[in-house]
């Protein structure tokens, strides 16, 4: 009878302590999170910065209005 109660008590004790204590994060967890977040933000935003600056510069110096219109072709080899 005693052996059948022990697993139940062990799981109850684990659940009780886990509910009151937050799990311990590994060391440098926040630093790693900040580095990964910064890398992802940079990876997704940096490709758009040079075209944005070029278009902003061309609007300021007036060459934006004198550009030739874009020609779209439906066939890439045409």
Protein backbone atom coordinates (compact mmCIF):
# COMPACT_ATOMS: atom_id res chain seq x y z
CA UNK A 1 0.00 0.00 0.00
CA UNK A 2 2.82 2.37 0.83
CA UNK A 3 4.55 1.89 -2.53
CA UNK A 4 1.45 2.89 -4.48
CA UNK A 5 1.14 6.21 -2.61
CA UNK A 6 4.77 7.39 -3.13
CA UNK A 7 4.62 8.19 -6.86
CA UNK A 8 1.44 10.16 -6.30
CA UNK A 9 3.00 12.17 -3.48
CA UNK A 10 6.18 12.79 -5.43
CA UNK A 11 4.27 14.20 -8.39
CA UNK A 12 2.06 16.31 -6.10
CA UNK A 13 5.11 17.72 -4.35
CA UNK A 14 6.77 18.49 -7.67
CA UNK A 15 3.63 20.20 -8.97
CA UNK A 16 3.24 22.16 -5.76
CA UNK A 17 6.83 23.44 -5.74
CA UNK A 18 6.82 24.16 -9.47
CA UNK A 19 3.65 26.21 -9.14
CA UNK A 20 5.24 28.47 -6.51
CA UNK A 21 8.79 28.73 -7.84
CA UNK A 22 9.59 29.87 -11.32
CA UNK A 23 12.12 27.71 -13.15
CA UNK A 24 15.66 28.98 -13.01
CA UNK A 25 16.88 30.37 -16.31
CA UNK A 26 20.33 29.38 -17.48
CA UNK A 27 23.06 31.99 -16.95
CA UNK A 28 23.30 34.73 -19.57
CA UNK A 29 19.80 33.90 -20.80
CA UNK A 30 18.79 37.55 -21.18
CA UNK A 31 22.03 38.42 -22.93
CA UNK A 32 21.57 35.62 -25.45
CA UNK A 33 17.95 36.66 -25.96
CA UNK A 34 19.00 40.26 -26.61
CA UNK A 35 21.71 39.19 -29.07
CA UNK A 36 19.37 36.94 -31.03
CA UNK A 37 16.63 39.56 -31.07
CA UNK A 38 19.05 42.23 -32.28
CA UNK A 39 20.34 39.94 -35.02
CA UNK A 40 16.85 39.13 -36.27
CA UNK A 41 15.74 42.77 -36.24
CA UNK A 42 18.88 43.77 -38.14
CA UNK A 43 18.53 40.93 -40.62
CA UNK A 44 14.99 41.93 -41.52
CA UNK A 45 15.40 45.73 -41.53
CA UNK A 46 18.89 46.41 -42.91
CA UNK A 47 18.14 45.31 -46.50
CA UNK A 48 15.54 48.09 -46.73
CA UNK A 49 17.75 50.93 -45.48
CA UNK A 50 19.92 51.68 -48.60
CA UNK A 51 16.98 51.90 -51.04
CA UNK A 52 15.11 54.10 -48.59
CA UNK A 53 18.06 56.46 -48.22
CA UNK A 54 18.64 56.57 -51.98
CA UNK A 55 15.03 57.44 -52.70
CA UNK A 56 15.02 60.06 -49.94
CA UNK A 57 18.21 61.62 -51.34
CA UNK A 58 16.89 61.64 -54.91
CA UNK A 59 13.67 63.33 -53.81
CA UNK A 60 15.69 66.05 -52.09
CA UNK A 61 17.95 66.81 -55.05
CA UNK A 62 15.15 66.64 -57.64
CA UNK A 63 16.29 63.65 -59.69
CA UNK A 64 13.29 61.59 -58.58
CA UNK A 65 11.00 63.32 -61.08
CA UNK A 66 13.46 63.01 -64.00
CA UNK A 67 13.98 59.27 -63.81
CA UNK A 68 12.91 57.24 -66.82
CA UNK A 69 9.80 55.15 -66.22
CA UNK A 70 10.25 51.51 -65.32
CA UNK A 71 9.62 49.07 -68.13
CA UNK A 72 8.07 45.82 -67.05
CA UNK A 73 8.34 42.80 -69.27
CA UNK A 74 6.23 39.74 -68.72
CA UNK A 75 8.81 37.48 -70.29
CA UNK A 76 12.20 37.53 -68.55
CA UNK A 77 14.05 36.64 -71.79
CA UNK A 78 12.28 39.19 -74.02
